[in-house]
């Protein structure tokens, strides 16, 4: 399935080269969790502060249990300054 991954500020360095405007469409397994997607892009989970799915804030304590759906947008921001 396809999702959109958006990584902001310093996390943008973990996006692939084809990313545009801090976003890239990625193909993930049907049972992919937030943690699976971030880990597969080598994003350090400790640097992920605000995590949103489709514009709604998500609990950082459930990264490994929350499954994504096709068409979802996963956006992640690091802690502010």
PDB file of N, CA and C in Angstrom:
ATOM      1  N   UNK A   1       0.852  -1.176   0.000  1.00  0.00           N
ATOM      2  CA  UNK A   1       0.000   0.000   0.000  1.00  0.00           C
ATOM      3  C   UNK A   1       0.892   1.230   0.000  1.00  0.00           C
ATOM      4  N   UNK A   2       0.349   2.345  -0.434  1.00  0.00           N
ATOM      5  CA  UNK A   2       1.098   3.596  -0.472  1.00  0.00           C
ATOM      6  C   UNK A   2       0.628   4.550   0.612  1.00  0.00           C
ATOM      7  N   UNK A   3       1.595   5.222   1.226  1.00  0.00           N
ATOM      8  CA  UNK A   3       1.313   6.304   2.167  1.00  0.00           C
ATOM      9  C   UNK A   3       2.209   7.481   1.796  1.00  0.00           C
ATOM     10  N   UNK A   4       1.938   8.618   2.376  1.00  0.00           N
ATOM     11  CA  UNK A   4       2.816   9.776   2.222  1.00  0.00           C
ATOM     12  C   UNK A   4       3.541   9.968   3.549  1.00  0.00           C
ATOM     13  N   UNK A   5       4.854  10.081   3.466  1.00  0.00           N
ATOM     14  CA  UNK A   5       5.687  10.325   4.638  1.00  0.00           C
ATOM     15  C   UNK A   5       6.205  11.750   4.559  1.00  0.00           C
ATOM     16  N   UNK A   6       5.949  12.512   5.611  1.00  0.00           N
ATOM     17  CA  UNK A   6       6.435  13.891   5.699  1.00  0.00           C
ATOM     18  C   UNK A   6       7.323  14.011   6.930  1.00  0.00           C
ATOM     19  N   UNK A   7       8.549  14.442   6.713  1.00  0.00           N
ATOM     20  CA  UNK A   7       9.491  14.648   7.812  1.00  0.00           C
ATOM     21  C   UNK A   7       9.938  16.091   7.784  1.00  0.00           C
ATOM     22  N   UNK A   8       9.763  16.790   8.888  1.00  0.00           N
ATOM     23  CA  UNK A   8      10.034  18.221   8.936  1.00  0.00           C
ATOM     24  C   UNK A   8      11.311  18.555   9.687  1.00  0.00           C
ATOM     25  N   UNK A   9      11.804  19.761   9.424  1.00  0.00           N
ATOM     26  CA  UNK A   9      13.002  20.324  10.062  1.00  0.00           C
ATOM     27  C   UNK A   9      14.165  19.349   9.896  1.00  0.00           C
ATOM     28  N   UNK A  10      14.920  19.111  10.960  1.00  0.00           N
ATOM     29  CA  UNK A  10      16.122  18.283  10.877  1.00  0.00           C
ATOM     30  C   UNK A  10      15.818  16.836  10.476  1.00  0.00           C
ATOM     31  N   UNK A  11      14.591  16.373  10.649  1.00  0.00           N
ATOM     32  CA  UNK A  11      14.258  15.004  10.256  1.00  0.00           C
ATOM     33  C   UNK A  11      14.217  14.834   8.746  1.00  0.00           C
ATOM     34  N   UNK A  12      14.133  15.919   8.018  1.00  0.00           N
ATOM     35  CA  UNK A  12      14.104  15.861   6.562  1.00  0.00           C
ATOM     36  C   UNK A  12      15.312  15.161   5.958  1.00  0.00           C
ATOM     37  N   UNK A  13      16.421  15.113   6.694  1.00  0.00           N
ATOM     38  CA  UNK A  13      17.617  14.445   6.187  1.00  0.00           C
ATOM     39  C   UNK A  13      17.407  12.947   5.996  1.00  0.00           C
ATOM     40  N   UNK A  14      16.362  12.384   6.578  1.00  0.00           N
ATOM     41  CA  UNK A  14      16.097  10.954   6.461  1.00  0.00           C
ATOM     42  C   UNK A  14      15.165  10.613   5.291  1.00  0.00           C
ATOM     43  N   UNK A  15      14.708  11.618   4.561  1.00  0.00           N
ATOM     44  CA  UNK A  15      13.876  11.382   3.391  1.00  0.00           C
ATOM     45  C   UNK A  15      14.756  10.979   2.207  1.00  0.00           C
ATOM     46  N   UNK A  16      14.223  10.152   1.314  1.00  0.00           N
ATOM     47  CA  UNK A  16      14.993   9.797   0.123  1.00  0.00           C
ATOM     48  C   UNK A  16      15.171  11.004  -0.803  1.00  0.00           C
ATOM     49  N   UNK A  17      16.121  10.898  -1.703  1.00  0.00           N
ATOM     50  CA  UNK A  17      16.476  12.012  -2.587  1.00  0.00           C
ATOM     51  C   UNK A  17      15.303  12.513  -3.425  1.00  0.00           C
ATOM     52  N   UNK A  18      14.362  11.648  -3.758  1.00  0.00           N
ATOM     53  CA  UNK A  18      13.242  12.063  -4.615  1.00  0.00           C
ATOM     54  C   UNK A  18      12.154  12.844  -3.864  1.00  0.00           C
ATOM     55  N   UNK A  19      12.303  13.018  -2.564  1.00  0.00           N
ATOM     56  CA  UNK A  19      11.314  13.765  -1.776  1.00  0.00           C
ATOM     57  C   UNK A  19      11.237  15.209  -2.247  1.00  0.00           C
ATOM     58  N   UNK A  20      10.033  15.744  -2.230  1.00  0.00           N
ATOM     59  CA  UNK A  20       9.808  17.138  -2.584  1.00  0.00           C
ATOM     60  C   UNK A  20       8.947  17.783  -1.511  1.00  0.00           C
ATOM     61  N   UNK A  21       9.332  18.980  -1.107  1.00  0.00           N
ATOM     62  CA  UNK A  21       8.586  19.723  -0.086  1.00  0.00           C
ATOM     63  C   UNK A  21       8.420  18.897   1.190  1.00  0.00           C
ATOM     64  N   UNK A  22       9.497  18.229   1.602  1.00  0.00           N
ATOM     65  CA  UNK A  22       9.530  17.425   2.826  1.00  0.00           C
ATOM     66  C   UNK A  22       8.584  16.234   2.817  1.00  0.00           C
ATOM     67  N   UNK A  23       8.182  15.764   1.636  1.00  0.00           N
ATOM     68  CA  UNK A  23       7.240  14.654   1.555  1.00  0.00           C
ATOM     69  C   UNK A  23       7.628  13.694   0.435  1.00  0.00           C
ATOM     70  N   UNK A  24       7.271  12.426   0.645  1.00  0.00           N
ATOM     71  CA  UNK A  24       7.502  11.402  -0.370  1.00  0.00           C
ATOM     72  C   UNK A  24       6.437  10.323  -0.223  1.00  0.00           C
ATOM     73  N   UNK A  25       5.988   9.795  -1.346  1.00  0.00           N
ATOM     74  CA  UNK A  25       5.080   8.649  -1.310  1.00  0.00           C
ATOM     75  C   UNK A  25       5.938   7.408  -1.180  1.00  0.00           C
ATOM     76  N   UNK A  26       5.575   6.530  -0.258  1.00  0.00           N
ATOM     77  CA  UNK A  26       6.330   5.301  -0.042  1.00  0.00           C
ATOM     78  C   UNK A  26       5.385   4.103  -0.057  1.00  0.00           C
ATOM     79  N   UNK A  27       5.904   2.993  -0.533  1.00  0.00           N
ATOM     80  CA  UNK A  27       5.163   1.742  -0.541  1.00  0.00           C
ATOM     81  C   UNK A  27       5.538   0.987   0.731  1.00  0.00           C
ATOM     82  N   UNK A  28       4.552   0.605   1.515  1.00  0.00           N
ATOM     83  CA  UNK A  28       4.793  -0.102   2.768  1.00  0.00           C
ATOM     84  C   UNK A  28       3.909  -1.355   2.808  1.00  0.00           C
ATOM     85  N   UNK A  29       4.296  -2.346   3.607  1.00  0.00           N
ATOM     86  CA  UNK A  29       3.450  -3.546   3.749  1.00  0.00           C
ATOM     87  C   UNK A  29       2.073  -3.180   4.313  1.00  0.00           C
ATOM     88  N   UNK A  30       1.089  -3.996   4.008  1.00  0.00           N
ATOM     89  CA  UNK A  30      -0.286  -3.729   4.448  1.00  0.00           C
ATOM     90  C   UNK A  30      -0.437  -3.647   5.961  1.00  0.00           C
ATOM     91  N   UNK A  31       0.442  -4.282   6.718  1.00  0.00           N
ATOM     92  CA  UNK A  31       0.325  -4.265   8.174  1.00  0.00           C
ATOM     93  C   UNK A  31       1.363  -3.344   8.824  1.00  0.00           C
ATOM     94  N   UNK A  32       1.895  -2.390   8.070  1.00  0.00           N
ATOM     95  CA  UNK A  32       2.948  -1.498   8.575  1.00  0.00           C
ATOM     96  C   UNK A  32       2.439  -0.614   9.707  1.00  0.00           C
ATOM     97  N   UNK A  33       3.295  -0.467  10.720  1.00  0.00           N
ATOM     98  CA  UNK A  33       3.008   0.435  11.829  1.00  0.00           C
ATOM     99  C   UNK A  33       3.818   1.720  11.641  1.00  0.00           C
ATOM    100  N   UNK A  34       3.524   2.717  12.464  1.00  0.00           N
ATOM    101  CA  UNK A  34       4.296   3.960  12.435  1.00  0.00           C
ATOM    102  C   UNK A  34       5.771   3.647  12.670  1.00  0.00           C
ATOM    103  N   UNK A  35       6.054   2.840  13.647  1.00  0.00           N
ATOM    104  CA  UNK A  35       7.425   2.465  13.976  1.00  0.00           C
ATOM    105  C   UNK A  35       8.110   1.778  12.794  1.00  0.00           C
ATOM    106  N   UNK A  36       7.408   0.885  12.108  1.00  0.00           N
ATOM    107  CA  UNK A  36       7.976   0.194  10.945  1.00  0.00           C
ATOM    108  C   UNK A  36       8.430   1.191   9.883  1.00  0.00           C
ATOM    109  N   UNK A  37       7.578   2.163   9.586  1.00  0.00           N
ATOM    110  CA  UNK A  37       7.890   3.136   8.539  1.00  0.00           C
ATOM    111  C   UNK A  37       9.078   4.001   8.938  1.00  0.00           C
ATOM    112  N   UNK A  38       9.070   4.509  10.159  1.00  0.00           N
ATOM    113  CA  UNK A  38      10.164   5.371  10.598  1.00  0.00           C
ATOM    114  C   UNK A  38      11.479   4.602  10.676  1.00  0.00           C
ATOM    115  N   UNK A  39      11.427   3.388  11.183  1.00  0.00           N
ATOM    116  CA  UNK A  39      12.635   2.569  11.284  1.00  0.00           C
ATOM    117  C   UNK A  39      13.182   2.233   9.902  1.00  0.00           C
ATOM    118  N   UNK A  40      12.321   1.948   8.953  1.00  0.00           N
ATOM    119  CA  UNK A  40      12.791   1.601   7.607  1.00  0.00           C
ATOM    120  C   UNK A  40      13.466   2.785   6.915  1.00  0.00           C
ATOM    121  N   UNK A  41      13.203   3.997   7.394  1.00  0.00           N
ATOM    122  CA  UNK A  41      13.863   5.194   6.851  1.00  0.00           C
ATOM    123  C   UNK A  41      14.972   5.696   7.778  1.00  0.00           C
ATOM    124  N   UNK A  42      15.352   4.869   8.756  1.00  0.00           N
ATOM    125  CA  UNK A  42      16.420   5.162   9.712  1.00  0.00           C
ATOM    126  C   UNK A  42      16.159   6.428  10.529  1.00  0.00           C
ATOM    127  N   UNK A  43      14.895   6.755  10.739  1.00  0.00           N
ATOM    128  CA  UNK A  43      14.546   7.921  11.549  1.00  0.00           C
ATOM    129  C   UNK A  43      14.645   7.514  13.023  1.00  0.00           C
ATOM    130  N   UNK A  44      15.512   8.168  13.806  1.00  0.00           N
ATOM    131  CA  UNK A  44      15.621   7.831  15.228  1.00  0.00           C
ATOM    132  C   UNK A  44      14.324   8.189  15.969  1.00  0.00           C
ATOM    133  N   UNK A  45      13.693   7.201  16.549  1.00  0.00           N
ATOM    134  CA  UNK A  45      12.409   7.437  17.214  1.00  0.00           C
ATOM    135  C   UNK A  45      12.530   8.449  18.344  1.00  0.00           C
ATOM    136  N   UNK A  46      13.681   8.526  18.977  1.00  0.00           N
ATOM    137  CA  UNK A  46      13.896   9.492  20.049  1.00  0.00           C
ATOM    138  C   UNK A  46      13.892  10.929  19.571  1.00  0.00           C
ATOM    139  N   UNK A  47      14.060  11.144  18.275  1.00  0.00           N
ATOM    140  CA  UNK A  47      14.041  12.497  17.717  1.00  0.00           C
ATOM    141  C   UNK A  47      12.665  12.875  17.178  1.00  0.00           C
ATOM    142  N   UNK A  48      11.695  11.988  17.328  1.00  0.00           N
ATOM    143  CA  UNK A  48      10.336  12.241  16.836  1.00  0.00           C
ATOM    144  C   UNK A  48       9.493  12.765  17.997  1.00  0.00           C
ATOM    145  N   UNK A  49       9.077  14.012  17.889  1.00  0.00           N
ATOM    146  CA  UNK A  49       8.331  14.640  18.986  1.00  0.00           C
ATOM    147  C   UNK A  49       6.834  14.679  18.696  1.00  0.00           C
ATOM    148  N   UNK A  50       6.464  15.289  17.599  1.00  0.00           N
ATOM    149  CA  UNK A  50       5.054  15.401  17.227  1.00  0.00           C
ATOM    150  C   UNK A  50       4.812  14.475  16.042  1.00  0.00           C
ATOM    151  N   UNK A  51       3.890  13.546  16.215  1.00  0.00           N
ATOM    152  CA  UNK A  51       3.582  12.565  15.185  1.00  0.00           C
ATOM    153  C   UNK A  51       2.103  12.690  14.853  1.00  0.00           C
ATOM    154  N   UNK A  52       1.827  12.855  13.562  1.00  0.00           N
ATOM    155  CA  UNK A  52       0.440  13.024  13.124  1.00  0.00           C
ATOM    156  C   UNK A  52       0.114  12.047  11.996  1.00  0.00           C
ATOM    157  N   UNK A  53      -1.102  11.532  12.046  1.00  0.00           N
ATOM    158  CA  UNK A  53      -1.635  10.728  10.959  1.00  0.00           C
ATOM    159  C   UNK A  53      -2.833  11.487  10.418  1.00  0.00           C
ATOM    160  N   UNK A  54      -2.757  11.843   9.147  1.00  0.00           N
ATOM    161  CA  UNK A  54      -3.843  12.581   8.485  1.00  0.00           C
ATOM    162  C   UNK A  54      -4.222  13.844   9.254  1.00  0.00           C
ATOM    163  N   UNK A  55      -3.218  14.519   9.812  1.00  0.00           N
ATOM    164  CA  UNK A  55      -3.434  15.781  10.493  1.00  0.00           C
ATOM    165  C   UNK A  55      -3.859  15.689  11.942  1.00  0.00           C
ATOM    166  N   UNK A  56      -3.969  14.477  12.466  1.00  0.00           N
ATOM    167  CA  UNK A  56      -4.381  14.290  13.855  1.00  0.00           C
ATOM    168  C   UNK A  56      -3.199  13.786  14.672  1.00  0.00           C
ATOM    169  N   UNK A  57      -2.937  14.451  15.789  1.00  0.00           N
ATOM    170  CA  UNK A  57      -1.817  14.086  16.639  1.00  0.00           C
ATOM    171  C   UNK A  57      -1.973  12.659  17.142  1.00  0.00           C
ATOM    172  N   UNK A  58      -0.831  11.965  17.210  1.00  0.00           N
ATOM    173  CA  UNK A  58      -0.857  10.571  17.622  1.00  0.00           C
ATOM    174  C   UNK A  58       0.011  10.365  18.852  1.00  0.00           C
ATOM    175  N   UNK A  59      -0.378   9.427  19.670  1.00  0.00           N
ATOM    176  CA  UNK A  59       0.335   9.105  20.910  1.00  0.00           C
ATOM    177  C   UNK A  59       1.669   8.434  20.609  1.00  0.00           C
ATOM    178  N   UNK A  60       2.767   9.033  21.088  1.00  0.00           N
ATOM    179  CA  UNK A  60       4.106   8.476  20.869  1.00  0.00           C
ATOM    180  C   UNK A  60       4.279   7.102  21.505  1.00  0.00           C
ATOM    181  N   UNK A  61       3.488   6.777  22.498  1.00  0.00           N
ATOM    182  CA  UNK A  61       3.617   5.497  23.187  1.00  0.00           C
ATOM    183  C   UNK A  61       3.011   4.330  22.405  1.00  0.00           C
ATOM    184  N   UNK A  62       2.360   4.612  21.291  1.00  0.00           N
ATOM    185  CA  UNK A  62       1.705   3.556  20.515  1.00  0.00           C
ATOM    186  C   UNK A  62       2.283   3.429  19.105  1.00  0.00           C
ATOM    187  N   UNK A  63       3.538   3.823  18.924  1.00  0.00           N
ATOM    188  CA  UNK A  63       4.145   3.784  17.590  1.00  0.00           C
ATOM    189  C   UNK A  63       4.228   2.374  17.027  1.00  0.00           C
ATOM    190  N   UNK A  64       4.466   1.408  17.882  1.00  0.00           N
ATOM    191  CA  UNK A  64       4.632   0.025  17.426  1.00  0.00           C
ATOM    192  C   UNK A  64       3.307  -0.707  17.246  1.00  0.00           C
ATOM    193  N   UNK A  65       2.237  -0.149  17.769  1.00  0.00           N
ATOM    194  CA  UNK A  65       0.951  -0.844  17.680  1.00  0.00           C
ATOM    195  C   UNK A  65      -0.034  -0.188  16.713  1.00  0.00           C
ATOM    196  N   UNK A  66       0.257   1.015  16.274  1.00  0.00           N
ATOM    197  CA  UNK A  66      -0.674   1.708  15.384  1.00  0.00           C
ATOM    198  C   UNK A  66      -0.357   1.396  13.928  1.00  0.00           C
ATOM    199  N   UNK A  67      -1.293   0.733  13.275  1.00  0.00           N
ATOM    200  CA  UNK A  67      -1.124   0.372  11.868  1.00  0.00           C
ATOM    201  C   UNK A  67      -1.628   1.505  10.981  1.00  0.00           C
ATOM    202  N   UNK A  68      -0.948   1.666   9.868  1.00  0.00           N
ATOM    203  CA  UNK A  68      -1.332   2.675   8.895  1.00  0.00           C
ATOM    204  C   UNK A  68      -2.243   2.050   7.846  1.00  0.00           C
ATOM    205  N   UNK A  69      -2.999   2.895   7.161  1.00  0.00           N
ATOM    206  CA  UNK A  69      -3.883   2.456   6.089  1.00  0.00           C
ATOM    207  C   UNK A  69      -3.435   3.093   4.784  1.00  0.00           C
ATOM    208  N   UNK A  70      -3.753   2.463   3.695  1.00  0.00           N
ATOM    209  CA  UNK A  70      -3.413   3.011   2.386  1.00  0.00           C
ATOM    210  C   UNK A  70      -3.948   4.422   2.246  1.00  0.00           C
ATOM    211  N   UNK A  71      -3.108   5.319   1.731  1.00  0.00           N
ATOM    212  CA  UNK A  71      -3.511   6.703   1.540  1.00  0.00           C
ATOM    213  C   UNK A  71      -3.246   7.598   2.731  1.00  0.00           C
ATOM    214  N   UNK A  72      -2.851   7.031   3.862  1.00  0.00           N
ATOM    215  CA  UNK A  72      -2.551   7.839   5.041  1.00  0.00           C
ATOM    216  C   UNK A  72      -1.369   8.767   4.789  1.00  0.00           C
ATOM    217  N   UNK A  73      -1.353   9.869   5.518  1.00  0.00           N
ATOM    218  CA  UNK A  73      -0.200  10.765   5.547  1.00  0.00           C
ATOM    219  C   UNK A  73       0.357  10.743   6.955  1.00  0.00           C
ATOM    220  N   UNK A  74       1.609  10.327   7.065  1.00  0.00           N
ATOM    221  CA  UNK A  74       2.320  10.284   8.335  1.00  0.00           C
ATOM    222  C   UNK A  74       3.289  11.456   8.358  1.00  0.00           C
ATOM    223  N   UNK A  75       3.072  12.378   9.273  1.00  0.00           N
ATOM    224  CA  UNK A  75       3.917  13.575   9.394  1.00  0.00           C
ATOM    225  C   UNK A  75       4.594  13.562  10.752  1.00  0.00           C
ATOM    226  N   UNK A  76       5.899  13.896  10.759  1.00  0.00           N
ATOM    227  CA  UNK A  76       6.675  13.835  11.991  1.00  0.00           C
ATOM    228  C   UNK A  76       7.538  15.086  12.110  1.00  0.00           C
ATOM    229  N   UNK A  77       7.517  15.674  13.307  1.00  0.00           N
ATOM    230  CA  UNK A  77       8.346  16.849  13.605  1.00  0.00           C
ATOM    231  C   UNK A  77       9.232  16.550  14.799  1.00  0.00           C
ATOM    232  N   UNK A  78      10.447  17.089  14.791  1.00  0.00           N
ATOM    233  CA  UNK A  78      11.339  16.920  15.945  1.00  0.00           C
ATOM    234  C   UNK A  78      10.953  17.896  17.056  1.00  0.00           C
ATOM    235  N   UNK A  79      11.571  17.768  18.223  1.00  0.00           N
ATOM    236  CA  UNK A  79      11.310  18.757  19.288  1.00  0.00           C
ATOM    237  C   UNK A  79      11.739  20.145  18.822  1.00  0.00           C
ATOM    238  N   UNK A  80      11.042  21.146  19.279  1.00  0.00           N
ATOM    239  CA  UNK A  80      11.402  22.524  18.915  1.00  0.00           C
ATOM    240  C   UNK A  80      12.617  22.970  19.723  1.00  0.00           C
ATOM    241  N   UNK A  81      13.477  23.730  19.053  1.00  0.00           N
ATOM    242  CA  UNK A  81      14.682  24.332  19.557  1.00  0.00           C
ATOM    243  C   UNK A  81      14.975  24.112  20.963  1.00  0.00           C
TER     244      UNK A  81
END
